[in-house]
Amino acid sequence: MADDEPISFDDHGDFDEFKAYITTPDVTPEQLLPRLVHPEADDGDAAHVEIHIGKTAQELIQHHRDTTPITRNSKIHPRLFIVVDTKDLDNRGVLLAALDEYHGFNDAVRGPIDEKRDELMSLSVANDDWYTAKQISDEDKPQAVPKKRFAVYNLLSDQGAFDEAFEKLNSGLSEVHVQDDENDENMETEIDSDGEEGEGIDDTNEQEDEDDEWEDEEEDDEMGEEEDEDEEGWDHYYKAFKPEVQALSNVKDTHRTRATENNQDPDMFAIIDDEYESKGTLIVRISPEEDSFRCKGDVAGEILRWIFISFMTWDEAKAFVARLN
């Protein structure tokens, strides 16, 4: 097979190099390149910088697909790249984009350039996966991660139905297909262990087990308290709110004031209402121009996050959802 003949992603193996796209005039390649090379890297030529002033991340996805083919001798990663759209490389940070991820969509995270560079390289050699990368990126970086940033208004009379929808919205795409993979791994483990560790169980330790019962219960109580604390501090992108007046017009009129008081996004929010089951989550923008659209499925939980991290513009998100629907 010729070196330039296309092959599948899975047949290629590791990719040693990557692209970084500059979309702001405030950063030059000379300023950027030293930040894209790890201090301990053997190869200082792994990063390939291109300038595309004003381009959006979605436009760069198509450009990246068109200009980064997978061939037997290709070195540049065809599914991972960095977008530099601000000079604030350490707080607002850069965008790490990942194409065709495990949940079936293109995705992205945002954070300090050093972290995203290292995550990209780790993903490139399969030391990490995107599921883990998203969890790592959800640390306390207020300019890069929209923690509890968006209000979700409950316009349902059934609190249980809202709670279920709210949990799904907060999970977004993170858990899609993950449970199936874990079940497959667990089944393989059980099959491997049958007839090995399960044989010859010793009953003589029953009294010791009873003696340890109180200790186990105390440990369970402590773990339960820790889980409650973790749940309260979990990195939700959304916070629920049930307005006294259950009307969309009232929500629009009062949102900016309430959001400002609670340090939330004053311009965008989501609504779970009576049309949620049939049409999906209502995603609303009240500024700069009032607009809204509905999105069904797990991906609905990602839309406002993607807009916040500049992975999509509002218009791109609206068009994306229209194609899905």
Protein backbone atom coordinates (compact mmCIF):
# COMPACT_ATOMS: atom_id res chain seq x y z
CA MET A 1 0.00 0.00 0.00
CA ALA A 2 1.31 3.46 -0.95
CA ASP A 3 2.23 5.85 1.86
CA ASP A 4 -0.25 8.47 0.63
CA GLU A 5 -3.16 6.07 0.18
CA PRO A 6 -6.08 6.78 2.56
CA ILE A 7 -6.63 4.37 5.44
CA SER A 8 -9.10 4.25 8.32
CA PHE A 9 -8.51 6.07 11.59
CA ASP A 10 -8.40 2.80 13.56
CA ASP A 11 -5.83 1.27 11.20
CA HIS A 12 -3.43 4.19 11.49
CA GLY A 13 -2.30 4.13 15.12
CA ASP A 14 -0.88 7.08 17.04
CA PHE A 15 -0.49 10.59 15.63
CA ASP A 16 2.56 12.56 16.78
CA GLU A 17 1.69 16.04 15.50
CA PHE A 18 -1.26 18.43 15.65
CA LYS A 19 -2.61 21.67 14.25
CA ALA A 20 -3.35 24.89 16.10
CA TYR A 21 -5.47 27.53 14.42
CA ILE A 22 -5.13 31.22 15.31
CA THR A 23 -8.36 33.14 14.74
CA THR A 24 -7.51 36.37 16.60
CA PRO A 25 -5.16 39.14 15.39
CA ASP A 26 -3.90 39.53 18.96
CA VAL A 27 -1.70 36.40 18.86
CA THR A 28 1.17 35.66 16.48
CA PRO A 29 2.68 32.27 15.63
CA GLU A 30 5.93 33.41 17.24
CA GLN A 31 4.11 34.07 20.51
CA LEU A 32 2.11 30.87 20.33
CA LEU A 33 4.62 28.21 19.33
CA PRO A 34 6.63 28.19 22.58
CA ARG A 35 3.40 27.52 24.49
CA LEU A 36 2.50 24.60 22.24
CA VAL A 37 5.72 22.71 22.92
CA HIS A 38 6.00 20.81 26.18
CA PRO A 39 9.18 21.71 28.12
CA GLU A 40 10.26 18.05 28.09
CA ALA A 41 9.28 17.33 24.49
CA ASP A 42 11.89 15.68 22.28
CA ASP A 43 10.33 17.09 19.13
CA GLY A 44 9.74 20.84 18.95
CA ASP A 45 8.08 20.56 15.55
CA ALA A 46 4.93 18.70 16.61
CA ALA A 47 2.69 21.77 16.42
CA HIS A 48 1.63 23.19 13.05
CA VAL A 49 0.20 26.70 13.32
CA GLU A 50 -2.20 28.18 10.78
CA ILE A 51 -3.76 31.65 10.79
CA HIS A 52 -7.48 31.99 10.04
CA ILE A 53 -8.52 35.37 11.43
CA GLY A 54 -12.25 35.57 12.15
CA LYS A 55 -13.03 31.94 11.41
CA THR A 56 -15.35 30.09 13.79
CA ALA A 57 -14.57 26.71 15.31
CA GLN A 58 -17.28 25.14 13.17
CA GLU A 59 -15.71 26.56 10.01
CA LEU A 60 -12.35 25.22 11.13
CA ILE A 61 -13.81 21.74 11.61
CA GLN A 62 -14.65 21.58 7.92
CA HIS A 63 -11.27 23.05 7.00
CA HIS A 64 -9.50 20.51 9.20
CA ARG A 65 -11.38 17.61 7.63
CA ASP A 66 -10.57 18.89 4.13
CA THR A 67 -6.86 19.45 4.76
CA THR A 68 -5.91 16.66 7.16
CA PRO A 69 -6.41 13.34 5.40
CA ILE A 70 -5.57 10.04 7.07
CA THR A 71 -2.88 8.23 5.12
CA ARG A 72 -0.37 5.60 6.13
CA ASN A 73 2.41 8.17 6.57
CA SER A 74 0.32 11.06 7.95
CA LYS A 75 1.45 12.40 11.32
CA ILE A 76 -1.00 15.23 12.05
CA HIS A 77 -3.97 14.20 14.13
CA PRO A 78 -7.13 14.29 11.98
CA ARG A 79 -9.59 14.54 14.87
CA LEU A 80 -7.92 16.75 17.47
CA PHE A 81 -6.83 20.37 17.14
CA ILE A 82 -6.52 23.60 19.11
CA VAL A 83 -8.20 26.92 18.39
CA VAL A 84 -6.61 30.13 19.70
CA ASP A 85 -9.27 32.84 19.66
CA THR A 86 -8.04 35.13 22.46
CA LYS A 87 -4.75 36.49 23.74
CA ASP A 88 -5.73 35.39 27.27
CA LEU A 89 -4.12 31.97 26.96
CA ASP A 90 -4.17 31.13 30.66
CA ASN A 91 -7.61 32.21 31.94
CA ARG A 92 -10.05 32.16 29.05
CA GLY A 93 -7.58 29.76 27.48
CA VAL A 94 -7.83 27.88 24.20
CA LEU A 95 -10.32 25.51 22.66
CA LEU A 96 -9.46 21.82 22.32
CA ALA A 97 -11.72 20.35 19.64
CA ALA A 98 -12.36 16.64 19.16
CA LEU A 99 -14.14 15.30 16.09
CA ASP A 100 -16.37 12.21 15.90
CA GLU A 101 -16.19 11.43 19.61
CA TYR A 102 -17.52 8.37 21.45
CA HIS A 103 -20.98 9.91 21.88
CA GLY A 104 -21.36 10.46 18.13
CA PHE A 105 -20.78 14.22 17.95
CA ASN A 106 -17.97 16.71 17.53
CA ASP A 107 -17.10 18.17 20.92
CA ALA A 108 -14.77 20.62 22.63
CA VAL A 109 -13.45 21.77 25.99
CA ARG A 110 -11.76 24.97 27.01
CA GLY A 111 -8.95 25.80 29.41
CA PRO A 112 -5.38 27.05 29.91
CA ILE A 113 -3.18 26.41 26.91
CA ASP A 114 -0.65 24.28 28.79
CA GLU A 115 -3.39 21.94 30.01
CA LYS A 116 -5.10 21.62 26.64
CA ARG A 117 -1.78 21.01 24.91
CA ASP A 118 -0.95 18.20 27.33
CA GLU A 119 -4.46 16.74 27.07
CA LEU A 120 -4.21 16.68 23.30
CA MET A 121 -0.90 14.85 23.38
CA SER A 122 -2.23 12.37 25.94
CA LEU A 123 -5.30 11.71 23.82
CA SER A 124 -3.11 11.30 20.74
CA VAL A 125 -1.25 8.33 22.21
CA ALA A 126 -4.36 6.87 23.87
CA ASN A 127 -3.11 7.51 27.41
CA ASP A 128 -6.44 9.19 28.02
CA ASP A 129 -9.91 9.27 26.50
CA TRP A 130 -12.37 12.06 25.79
CA TYR A 131 -14.71 11.07 28.63
CA THR A 132 -11.89 11.60 31.12
CA ALA A 133 -10.64 14.73 29.36
CA LYS A 134 -14.04 16.38 29.77
CA GLN A 135 -14.09 15.59 33.48
CA ILE A 136 -10.60 17.00 33.95
CA SER A 137 -11.57 20.15 32.08
CA ASP A 138 -14.54 20.74 34.37
CA GLU A 139 -12.38 22.12 37.14
CA ASP A 140 -12.82 25.59 38.61
CA LYS A 141 -11.94 27.87 35.70
CA PRO A 142 -14.78 30.41 35.59
CA GLN A 143 -13.68 32.05 32.35
CA ALA A 144 -13.33 28.72 30.55
CA VAL A 145 -15.97 26.48 32.14
CA PRO A 146 -19.62 27.57 32.61
CA LYS A 147 -20.12 26.02 36.05
CA LYS A 148 -23.71 26.51 37.19
CA ARG A 149 -23.78 29.31 34.66
CA PHE A 150 -27.17 28.73 33.06
CA ALA A 151 -30.64 28.90 34.57
CA VAL A 152 -33.16 26.20 33.74
CA TYR A 153 -36.70 27.30 34.43
CA ASN A 154 -39.22 24.72 35.56
CA LEU A 155 -42.59 25.35 33.91
CA LEU A 156 -43.90 21.84 34.63
CA SER A 157 -46.46 20.93 37.26
CA ASP A 158 -44.88 17.49 37.71
CA GLN A 159 -41.72 17.97 39.82
CA GLY A 160 -40.58 14.40 39.20
CA ALA A 161 -40.73 14.88 35.45
CA PHE A 162 -38.72 18.08 35.76
CA ASP A 163 -36.09 16.46 37.97
CA GLU A 164 -35.58 13.73 35.39
CA ALA A 165 -35.29 16.24 32.55
CA PHE A 166 -32.98 18.46 34.60
CA GLU A 167 -30.62 15.59 35.37
CA LYS A 168 -30.51 14.62 31.70
CA LEU A 169 -29.77 18.20 30.70
CA ASN A 170 -26.86 18.43 33.14
CA SER A 171 -25.39 15.14 31.93
CA GLY A 172 -25.45 16.23 28.31
CA LEU A 173 -23.50 13.83 26.11
CA SER A 174 -21.07 12.75 28.83
CA GLU A 175 -22.71 9.41 29.67
CA VAL A 176 -23.94 8.50 26.17
CA HIS A 177 -22.72 4.97 25.33
CA VAL A 178 -20.55 4.94 28.47
CA GLN A 179 -22.82 2.63 30.48
CA ASP A 180 -22.98 0.15 27.60
CA ASP A 181 -19.18 0.02 27.44
CA GLU A 182 -18.93 -0.48 31.21
CA ASN A 183 -21.49 -3.30 31.09
CA ASP A 184 -19.52 -5.03 28.35
CA GLU A 185 -16.32 -4.77 30.40
CA ASN A 186 -18.07 -6.07 33.52
CA MET A 187 -19.47 -9.04 31.64
CA GLU A 188 -16.02 -9.91 30.32
CA THR A 189 -14.61 -9.70 33.85
CA GLU A 190 -17.32 -11.97 35.23
CA ILE A 191 -16.75 -14.52 32.49
CA ASP A 192 -12.99 -14.51 33.11
CA SER A 193 -13.45 -14.98 36.86
CA ASP A 194 -16.03 -17.81 36.71
CA GLY A 195 -14.64 -21.04 38.13
CA GLU A 196 -11.54 -19.34 39.51
CA GLU A 197 -12.25 -17.08 42.46
CA GLY A 198 -15.81 -18.35 42.92
CA GLU A 199 -14.89 -21.89 43.93
CA GLY A 200 -14.22 -23.14 47.45
CA ILE A 201 -15.81 -20.28 49.38
CA ASP A 202 -14.88 -20.48 53.06
CA ASP A 203 -17.80 -20.17 55.52
CA THR A 204 -15.63 -20.01 58.64
CA ASN A 205 -15.41 -16.22 58.64
CA GLU A 206 -19.15 -15.58 59.15
CA GLN A 207 -18.69 -14.54 62.80
CA GLU A 208 -15.90 -12.15 61.84
CA ASP A 209 -18.20 -10.66 59.21
CA GLU A 210 -20.90 -10.10 61.87
CA ASP A 211 -18.36 -8.47 64.19
CA ASP A 212 -17.33 -6.12 61.39
CA GLU A 213 -20.93 -5.26 60.49
CA TRP A 214 -21.12 -2.16 62.71
CA GLU A 215 -17.79 -0.93 61.41
CA ASP A 216 -18.97 -1.40 57.82
CA GLU A 217 -22.17 0.53 58.54
CA GLU A 218 -20.15 3.42 59.98
CA GLU A 219 -17.98 3.43 56.85
CA ASP A 220 -21.09 3.39 54.67
CA ASP A 221 -22.49 6.39 56.56
CA GLU A 222 -19.25 8.29 56.06
CA MET A 223 -19.20 7.42 52.36
CA GLY A 224 -22.82 8.53 52.06
CA GLU A 225 -21.95 11.91 53.54
CA GLU A 226 -19.05 12.26 51.11
CA GLU A 227 -21.29 11.36 48.18
CA ASP A 228 -23.81 13.99 49.26
CA GLU A 229 -21.05 16.59 49.38
CA ASP A 230 -19.78 15.49 45.97
CA GLU A 231 -23.27 15.67 44.51
CA GLU A 232 -23.77 19.18 45.84
CA GLY A 233 -20.44 20.27 44.38
CA TRP A 234 -20.78 18.42 41.10
CA ASP A 235 -19.98 20.55 38.09
CA HIS A 236 -23.48 21.25 36.87
CA TYR A 237 -23.65 23.71 34.02
CA TYR A 238 -27.26 24.39 34.97
CA LYS A 239 -29.16 25.48 38.08
CA ALA A 240 -32.88 24.90 38.40
CA PHE A 241 -35.37 27.64 39.22
CA LYS A 242 -39.16 27.50 39.49
CA PRO A 243 -40.71 30.93 38.93
CA GLU A 244 -43.83 31.94 40.82
CA VAL A 245 -45.52 33.00 37.59
CA GLN A 246 -45.45 30.01 35.26
CA ALA A 247 -45.33 31.93 31.98
CA LEU A 248 -42.62 32.30 29.36
CA SER A 249 -43.22 36.04 29.06
CA ASN A 250 -42.63 36.47 32.79
CA VAL A 251 -39.42 34.43 32.64
CA LYS A 252 -38.09 36.62 29.84
CA ASP A 253 -39.01 39.81 31.71
CA THR A 254 -37.38 38.81 34.99
CA HIS A 255 -34.46 36.67 33.85
CA ARG A 256 -31.78 39.32 33.52
CA THR A 257 -32.30 40.66 37.05
CA ARG A 258 -32.44 37.21 38.62
CA ALA A 259 -29.41 35.99 36.63
CA THR A 260 -27.32 39.00 37.60
CA GLU A 261 -28.13 38.48 41.28
CA ASN A 262 -27.08 34.82 41.03
CA ASN A 263 -23.99 35.30 38.85
CA GLN A 264 -25.53 33.48 35.91
CA ASP A 265 -25.68 34.18 32.20
CA PRO A 266 -27.96 37.21 31.75
CA ASP A 267 -28.60 36.59 28.06
CA MET A 268 -29.30 32.85 27.66
CA PHE A 269 -31.23 30.20 29.56
CA ALA A 270 -33.21 26.99 29.10
CA ILE A 271 -36.81 26.04 29.84
CA ILE A 272 -38.43 22.70 30.60
CA ASP A 273 -42.15 22.99 29.85
CA ASP A 274 -45.15 20.99 28.66
CA GLU A 275 -43.66 20.64 25.17
CA TYR A 276 -40.40 19.13 26.44
CA GLU A 277 -41.37 15.51 25.78
CA SER A 278 -42.53 16.12 22.22
CA LYS A 279 -40.25 18.95 21.10
CA GLY A 280 -37.34 19.07 23.55
CA THR A 281 -35.69 21.71 25.71
CA LEU A 282 -36.46 25.32 24.86
CA ILE A 283 -33.21 27.30 24.58
CA VAL A 284 -33.72 31.05 24.79
CA ARG A 285 -31.66 34.15 24.11
CA ILE A 286 -32.94 37.58 25.12
CA SER A 287 -29.93 39.64 23.97
CA PRO A 288 -28.54 40.95 21.63
CA GLU A 289 -31.72 39.90 19.79
CA GLU A 290 -34.48 37.78 21.25
CA ASP A 291 -34.51 34.31 19.73
CA SER A 292 -35.17 30.70 20.68
CA PHE A 293 -35.19 27.14 19.40
CA ARG A 294 -35.86 23.67 20.74
CA CYS A 295 -33.47 20.75 20.96
CA LYS A 296 -34.31 17.13 21.72
CA GLY A 297 -32.11 14.44 23.19
CA ASP A 298 -28.91 14.35 25.24
CA VAL A 299 -27.16 16.89 23.03
CA ALA A 300 -29.50 19.61 24.32
CA GLY A 301 -27.42 19.79 27.48
CA GLU A 302 -24.32 20.76 25.50
CA ILE A 303 -25.70 23.62 23.40
CA LEU A 304 -25.28 26.53 25.83
CA ARG A 305 -21.90 25.19 26.99
CA TRP A 306 -20.70 25.03 23.40
CA ILE A 307 -21.81 28.62 22.82
CA PHE A 308 -20.12 29.78 26.04
CA ILE A 309 -16.76 28.21 25.12
CA SER A 310 -17.02 29.54 21.52
CA PHE A 311 -17.31 26.12 19.93
CA MET A 312 -20.46 27.39 18.22
CA THR A 313 -22.08 30.73 17.63
CA TRP A 314 -25.77 31.10 18.40
CA ASP A 315 -26.65 30.92 14.71
CA GLU A 316 -24.44 27.87 14.20
CA ALA A 317 -26.08 26.14 17.16
CA LYS A 318 -29.53 26.92 15.82
CA ALA A 319 -28.63 25.56 12.38
CA PHE A 320 -27.00 22.48 13.94
CA VAL A 321 -30.15 21.67 15.91
CA ALA A 322 -32.34 22.24 12.85
CA ARG A 323 -30.31 19.61 10.98
CA LEU A 324 -30.69 17.18 13.88
CA ASN A 325 -34.43 17.71 14.14
